[in-house]
Amino acid sequence: MDPRFRGEHTYKVDKKGRLSIPADFRRVLETGDPAWAEGLRPNLVLVYGGADNRYLEGYTVAAADARAEKIERLPESNLRRRLIRQYISKSIPIQIDPDGRLVIPQRYRDMIGLELEANAVFVGTLGTFQVWSEEQYEDYLDENEADEDLGFGLAPGTNPLDALDMVLAQQALQPKPEAG
């Protein structure tokens, strides 16, 4: 079982705010929930995603705990407080219902513009997944993927898969910091 979230899946939000979770995403959530066992329902954690809160980001319990542990290691600072607000205070633990659905609270649906009986898009992003309103997701793709700057000093129009190999090759040539 590949413990990564992959693909795009579109589902309709029902009249009660319930949303089916893609079956392959449920399998990843099961493997990432230390309390899960056969016959039990997996848990997950949802947080507002991105700087503009246009989507919700779903974490396995293990991934959410790992993120929390990293934040706890930070010294008291504005960064630590901001991360706590974003990933701890604004997170909601959710248990998947017996039919493989999650109920997204009204406040969270409002934040991302997800209406009842509208389509939502689940987007796999490897270690997490995103839930978007279909309209917001289409707008995002139109805004960001046409002429997106890939960074790393790459020429415009560089194929992203070619860029992956080029950036990893550049990193391999970088001197490693000395342990000290």
C-alpha atoms as a PDB file:
ATOM      1  CA  MET A   1       0.000   0.000   0.000  1.00  0.00           C
ATOM      2  CA  ASP A   2       1.431   3.333  -1.080  1.00  0.00           C
ATOM      3  CA  PRO A   3       0.899   5.706   1.875  1.00  0.00           C
ATOM      4  CA  ARG A   4       0.488   8.741  -0.362  1.00  0.00           C
ATOM      5  CA  PHE A   5      -2.547  10.645  -1.541  1.00  0.00           C
ATOM      6  CA  ARG A   6      -2.711  10.688  -5.336  1.00  0.00           C
ATOM      7  CA  GLY A   7      -5.126  11.868  -7.984  1.00  0.00           C
ATOM      8  CA  GLU A   8      -8.077  14.199  -8.314  1.00  0.00           C
ATOM      9  CA  HIS A   9     -11.546  13.012  -7.368  1.00  0.00           C
ATOM     10  CA  THR A  10     -14.791  14.981  -7.647  1.00  0.00           C
ATOM     11  CA  TYR A  11     -17.747  14.270  -5.335  1.00  0.00           C
ATOM     12  CA  LYS A  12     -20.959  16.096  -4.540  1.00  0.00           C
ATOM     13  CA  VAL A  13     -21.589  17.490  -1.052  1.00  0.00           C
ATOM     14  CA  ASP A  14     -24.987  16.256   0.110  1.00  0.00           C
ATOM     15  CA  LYS A  15     -27.765  18.271   1.785  1.00  0.00           C
ATOM     16  CA  LYS A  16     -26.289  17.541   5.233  1.00  0.00           C
ATOM     17  CA  GLY A  17     -22.768  18.652   4.376  1.00  0.00           C
ATOM     18  CA  ARG A  18     -21.439  15.094   4.013  1.00  0.00           C
ATOM     19  CA  LEU A  19     -18.806  14.286   1.467  1.00  0.00           C
ATOM     20  CA  SER A  20     -17.600  10.848   0.390  1.00  0.00           C
ATOM     21  CA  ILE A  21     -13.865  10.332   0.684  1.00  0.00           C
ATOM     22  CA  PRO A  22     -12.168   8.527  -2.209  1.00  0.00           C
ATOM     23  CA  ALA A  23     -11.609   4.865  -1.286  1.00  0.00           C
ATOM     24  CA  ASP A  24      -7.855   5.050  -1.968  1.00  0.00           C
ATOM     25  CA  PHE A  25      -7.604   8.098   0.320  1.00  0.00           C
ATOM     26  CA  ARG A  26      -9.422   6.142   3.065  1.00  0.00           C
ATOM     27  CA  ARG A  27      -6.783   3.391   2.808  1.00  0.00           C
ATOM     28  CA  VAL A  28      -4.019   5.967   3.329  1.00  0.00           C
ATOM     29  CA  LEU A  29      -5.918   7.437   6.305  1.00  0.00           C
ATOM     30  CA  GLU A  30      -6.219   3.954   7.823  1.00  0.00           C
ATOM     31  CA  THR A  31      -2.473   3.329   7.571  1.00  0.00           C
ATOM     32  CA  GLY A  32      -1.788   6.756   9.111  1.00  0.00           C
ATOM     33  CA  ASP A  33      -4.109   6.303  12.109  1.00  0.00           C
ATOM     34  CA  PRO A  34      -2.340   4.496  14.967  1.00  0.00           C
ATOM     35  CA  ALA A  35      -5.699   3.737  16.630  1.00  0.00           C
ATOM     36  CA  TRP A  36      -7.253   2.207  13.515  1.00  0.00           C
ATOM     37  CA  ALA A  37      -7.924  -1.528  13.286  1.00  0.00           C
ATOM     38  CA  GLU A  38     -10.089  -3.626  10.978  1.00  0.00           C
ATOM     39  CA  GLY A  39     -13.737  -2.784  11.629  1.00  0.00           C
ATOM     40  CA  LEU A  40     -12.974   0.672  13.031  1.00  0.00           C
ATOM     41  CA  ARG A  41     -13.350   3.980  11.239  1.00  0.00           C
ATOM     42  CA  PRO A  42     -10.185   5.972  10.522  1.00  0.00           C
ATOM     43  CA  ASN A  43      -9.577   9.450  11.889  1.00  0.00           C
ATOM     44  CA  LEU A  44      -8.027  12.403  10.132  1.00  0.00           C
ATOM     45  CA  VAL A  45      -7.239  16.045  10.791  1.00  0.00           C
ATOM     46  CA  LEU A  46      -8.440  18.924   8.598  1.00  0.00           C
ATOM     47  CA  VAL A  47      -6.876  22.400   8.598  1.00  0.00           C
ATOM     48  CA  TYR A  48      -7.360  25.505   6.477  1.00  0.00           C
ATOM     49  CA  GLY A  49      -4.901  25.282   3.625  1.00  0.00           C
ATOM     50  CA  GLY A  50      -2.755  27.856   1.951  1.00  0.00           C
ATOM     51  CA  ALA A  51      -2.192  31.493   2.749  1.00  0.00           C
ATOM     52  CA  ASP A  52      -5.602  32.456   1.388  1.00  0.00           C
ATOM     53  CA  ASN A  53      -7.593  29.547   2.900  1.00  0.00           C
ATOM     54  CA  ARG A  54      -9.046  28.520  -0.456  1.00  0.00           C
ATOM     55  CA  TYR A  55      -8.993  24.820   0.426  1.00  0.00           C
ATOM     56  CA  LEU A  56      -8.925  22.435   3.359  1.00  0.00           C
ATOM     57  CA  GLU A  57      -5.912  20.237   3.874  1.00  0.00           C
ATOM     58  CA  GLY A  58      -6.334  16.708   5.191  1.00  0.00           C
ATOM     59  CA  TYR A  59      -3.669  14.968   7.257  1.00  0.00           C
ATOM     60  CA  THR A  60      -3.420  11.452   8.574  1.00  0.00           C
ATOM     61  CA  VAL A  61      -3.308  11.376  12.363  1.00  0.00           C
ATOM     62  CA  ALA A  62       0.362  10.365  12.203  1.00  0.00           C
ATOM     63  CA  ALA A  63       1.247  13.247   9.856  1.00  0.00           C
ATOM     64  CA  ALA A  64      -0.667  15.756  12.013  1.00  0.00           C
ATOM     65  CA  ASP A  65       1.120  14.478  15.116  1.00  0.00           C
ATOM     66  CA  ALA A  66       4.514  14.712  13.381  1.00  0.00           C
ATOM     67  CA  ARG A  67       3.776  18.307  12.359  1.00  0.00           C
ATOM     68  CA  ALA A  68       2.691  19.154  15.947  1.00  0.00           C
ATOM     69  CA  GLU A  69       5.894  17.637  17.341  1.00  0.00           C
ATOM     70  CA  LYS A  70       8.003  19.788  15.014  1.00  0.00           C
ATOM     71  CA  ILE A  71       6.097  22.912  16.063  1.00  0.00           C
ATOM     72  CA  GLU A  72       6.540  22.031  19.755  1.00  0.00           C
ATOM     73  CA  ARG A  73      10.332  21.937  19.271  1.00  0.00           C
ATOM     74  CA  LEU A  74      10.413  25.571  18.175  1.00  0.00           C
ATOM     75  CA  PRO A  75      11.367  28.193  20.754  1.00  0.00           C
ATOM     76  CA  GLU A  76       8.652  30.661  21.783  1.00  0.00           C
ATOM     77  CA  SER A  77       8.328  33.072  18.875  1.00  0.00           C
ATOM     78  CA  ASN A  78       5.860  34.649  16.490  1.00  0.00           C
ATOM     79  CA  LEU A  79       6.550  31.805  14.059  1.00  0.00           C
ATOM     80  CA  ARG A  80       5.656  29.191  16.692  1.00  0.00           C
ATOM     81  CA  ARG A  81       2.450  31.039  17.622  1.00  0.00           C
ATOM     82  CA  ARG A  82       1.440  31.396  13.978  1.00  0.00           C
ATOM     83  CA  LEU A  83       2.047  27.726  13.264  1.00  0.00           C
ATOM     84  CA  ILE A  84       0.066  26.762  16.360  1.00  0.00           C
ATOM     85  CA  ARG A  85      -2.854  28.927  15.212  1.00  0.00           C
ATOM     86  CA  GLN A  86      -2.788  27.507  11.677  1.00  0.00           C
ATOM     87  CA  TYR A  87      -2.106  23.824  12.330  1.00  0.00           C
ATOM     88  CA  ILE A  88      -3.318  23.234  15.871  1.00  0.00           C
ATOM     89  CA  SER A  89      -5.952  25.810  16.844  1.00  0.00           C
ATOM     90  CA  LYS A  90      -7.673  25.827  13.461  1.00  0.00           C
ATOM     91  CA  SER A  91      -7.512  22.079  12.969  1.00  0.00           C
ATOM     92  CA  ILE A  92     -10.430  19.756  13.443  1.00  0.00           C
ATOM     93  CA  PRO A  93     -10.090  16.060  14.163  1.00  0.00           C
ATOM     94  CA  ILE A  94     -12.714  14.103  12.232  1.00  0.00           C
ATOM     95  CA  GLN A  95     -13.723  10.470  12.199  1.00  0.00           C
ATOM     96  CA  ILE A  96     -14.952   9.084   8.910  1.00  0.00           C
ATOM     97  CA  ASP A  97     -18.565   7.916   9.171  1.00  0.00           C
ATOM     98  CA  PRO A  98     -19.562   4.268   8.561  1.00  0.00           C
ATOM     99  CA  ASP A  99     -20.334   5.061   4.899  1.00  0.00           C
ATOM    100  CA  GLY A 100     -16.868   6.494   4.171  1.00  0.00           C
ATOM    101  CA  ARG A 101     -17.884  10.139   4.394  1.00  0.00           C
ATOM    102  CA  LEU A 102     -16.783  13.134   6.388  1.00  0.00           C
ATOM    103  CA  VAL A 103     -18.951  15.960   7.570  1.00  0.00           C
ATOM    104  CA  ILE A 104     -17.333  19.314   6.887  1.00  0.00           C
ATOM    105  CA  PRO A 105     -18.593  21.872   9.410  1.00  0.00           C
ATOM    106  CA  GLN A 106     -20.430  24.878   7.995  1.00  0.00           C
ATOM    107  CA  ARG A 107     -17.697  27.309   9.043  1.00  0.00           C
ATOM    108  CA  TYR A 108     -15.109  25.359   7.081  1.00  0.00           C
ATOM    109  CA  ARG A 109     -17.370  25.019   4.025  1.00  0.00           C
ATOM    110  CA  ASP A 110     -18.002  28.773   4.131  1.00  0.00           C
ATOM    111  CA  MET A 111     -14.271  29.491   4.353  1.00  0.00           C
ATOM    112  CA  ILE A 112     -13.526  27.621   1.125  1.00  0.00           C
ATOM    113  CA  GLY A 113     -16.768  28.503  -0.695  1.00  0.00           C
ATOM    114  CA  LEU A 114     -18.130  24.951  -0.699  1.00  0.00           C
ATOM    115  CA  GLU A 115     -21.920  24.947  -1.021  1.00  0.00           C
ATOM    116  CA  LEU A 116     -24.323  22.120  -0.192  1.00  0.00           C
ATOM    117  CA  GLU A 117     -25.115  19.984  -3.245  1.00  0.00           C
ATOM    118  CA  ALA A 118     -22.102  21.409  -5.094  1.00  0.00           C
ATOM    119  CA  ASN A 119     -19.037  19.529  -6.273  1.00  0.00           C
ATOM    120  CA  ALA A 120     -15.908  19.256  -4.173  1.00  0.00           C
ATOM    121  CA  VAL A 121     -12.545  18.166  -5.544  1.00  0.00           C
ATOM    122  CA  PHE A 122     -10.157  15.986  -3.543  1.00  0.00           C
ATOM    123  CA  VAL A 123      -6.592  16.628  -4.695  1.00  0.00           C
ATOM    124  CA  GLY A 124      -3.807  14.255  -3.674  1.00  0.00           C
ATOM    125  CA  THR A 125      -0.614  16.071  -2.703  1.00  0.00           C
ATOM    126  CA  LEU A 126       1.510  13.099  -1.569  1.00  0.00           C
ATOM    127  CA  GLY A 127       1.587  13.357   2.258  1.00  0.00           C
ATOM    128  CA  THR A 128      -1.680  15.306   2.524  1.00  0.00           C
ATOM    129  CA  PHE A 129      -4.772  15.924   0.450  1.00  0.00           C
ATOM    130  CA  GLN A 130      -6.736  19.046  -0.321  1.00  0.00           C
ATOM    131  CA  VAL A 131     -10.498  19.609  -0.512  1.00  0.00           C
ATOM    132  CA  TRP A 132     -11.539  22.445  -2.816  1.00  0.00           C
ATOM    133  CA  SER A 133     -14.842  23.720  -4.124  1.00  0.00           C
ATOM    134  CA  GLU A 134     -14.789  22.747  -7.779  1.00  0.00           C
ATOM    135  CA  GLU A 135     -15.122  26.381  -8.865  1.00  0.00           C
ATOM    136  CA  GLN A 136     -12.238  27.576  -6.645  1.00  0.00           C
ATOM    137  CA  TYR A 137     -10.040  24.709  -7.861  1.00  0.00           C
ATOM    138  CA  GLU A 138     -10.689  25.485 -11.523  1.00  0.00           C
ATOM    139  CA  ASP A 139      -9.935  29.173 -10.861  1.00  0.00           C
ATOM    140  CA  TYR A 140      -6.711  28.217  -9.073  1.00  0.00           C
ATOM    141  CA  LEU A 141      -5.575  26.039 -11.977  1.00  0.00           C
ATOM    142  CA  ASP A 142      -6.344  28.793 -14.476  1.00  0.00           C
ATOM    143  CA  GLU A 143      -4.426  31.364 -12.397  1.00  0.00           C
ATOM    144  CA  ASN A 144      -1.394  29.294 -11.505  1.00  0.00           C
ATOM    145  CA  GLU A 145      -0.524  26.638 -14.008  1.00  0.00           C
ATOM    146  CA  ALA A 146      -0.541  28.417 -17.362  1.00  0.00           C
ATOM    147  CA  ASP A 147       2.792  30.258 -17.080  1.00  0.00           C
ATOM    148  CA  GLU A 148       3.883  29.221 -13.610  1.00  0.00           C
ATOM    149  CA  ASP A 149       7.446  30.169 -12.649  1.00  0.00           C
ATOM    150  CA  LEU A 150       9.066  26.960 -11.458  1.00  0.00           C
ATOM    151  CA  GLY A 151      11.799  28.813  -9.574  1.00  0.00           C
ATOM    152  CA  PHE A 152      15.359  27.477  -9.153  1.00  0.00           C
ATOM    153  CA  GLY A 153      16.540  29.718 -12.015  1.00  0.00           C
ATOM    154  CA  LEU A 154      14.846  27.488 -14.589  1.00  0.00           C
ATOM    155  CA  ALA A 155      13.931  28.939 -17.958  1.00  0.00           C
ATOM    156  CA  PRO A 156      10.251  29.665 -18.592  1.00  0.00           C
ATOM    157  CA  GLY A 157       8.553  26.740 -20.313  1.00  0.00           C
ATOM    158  CA  THR A 158      10.838  24.115 -18.749  1.00  0.00           C
ATOM    159  CA  ASN A 159       9.085  20.761 -18.535  1.00  0.00           C
ATOM    160  CA  PRO A 160       8.388  20.108 -14.809  1.00  0.00           C
ATOM    161  CA  LEU A 161       9.690  16.507 -14.991  1.00  0.00           C
ATOM    162  CA  ASP A 162      12.922  17.712 -16.607  1.00  0.00           C
ATOM    163  CA  ALA A 163      13.101  20.384 -13.898  1.00  0.00           C
ATOM    164  CA  LEU A 164      12.808  17.718 -11.188  1.00  0.00           C
ATOM    165  CA  ASP A 165      15.902  15.928 -12.441  1.00  0.00           C
ATOM    166  CA  MET A 166      17.828  19.194 -12.983  1.00  0.00           C
ATOM    167  CA  VAL A 167      17.087  20.519  -9.480  1.00  0.00           C
ATOM    168  CA  LEU A 168      17.973  17.209  -7.812  1.00  0.00           C
ATOM    169  CA  ALA A 169      21.225  17.092  -9.805  1.00  0.00           C
ATOM    170  CA  GLN A 170      22.039  20.659  -8.679  1.00  0.00           C
ATOM    171  CA  GLN A 171      21.342  19.738  -5.062  1.00  0.00           C
ATOM    172  CA  ALA A 172      23.621  16.713  -5.304  1.00  0.00           C
ATOM    173  CA  LEU A 173      26.472  19.032  -6.356  1.00  0.00           C
ATOM    174  CA  GLN A 174      25.912  21.395  -3.407  1.00  0.00           C
ATOM    175  CA  PRO A 175      28.443  20.985  -0.580  1.00  0.00           C
ATOM    176  CA  LYS A 176      26.900  19.392   2.499  1.00  0.00           C
ATOM    177  CA  PRO A 177      27.029  21.435   5.726  1.00  0.00           C
ATOM    178  CA  GLU A 178      29.579  20.115   8.143  1.00  0.00           C
ATOM    179  CA  ALA A 179      28.252  18.437  11.279  1.00  0.00           C
ATOM    180  CA  GLY A 180      29.333  20.307  14.269  1.00  0.00           C
END
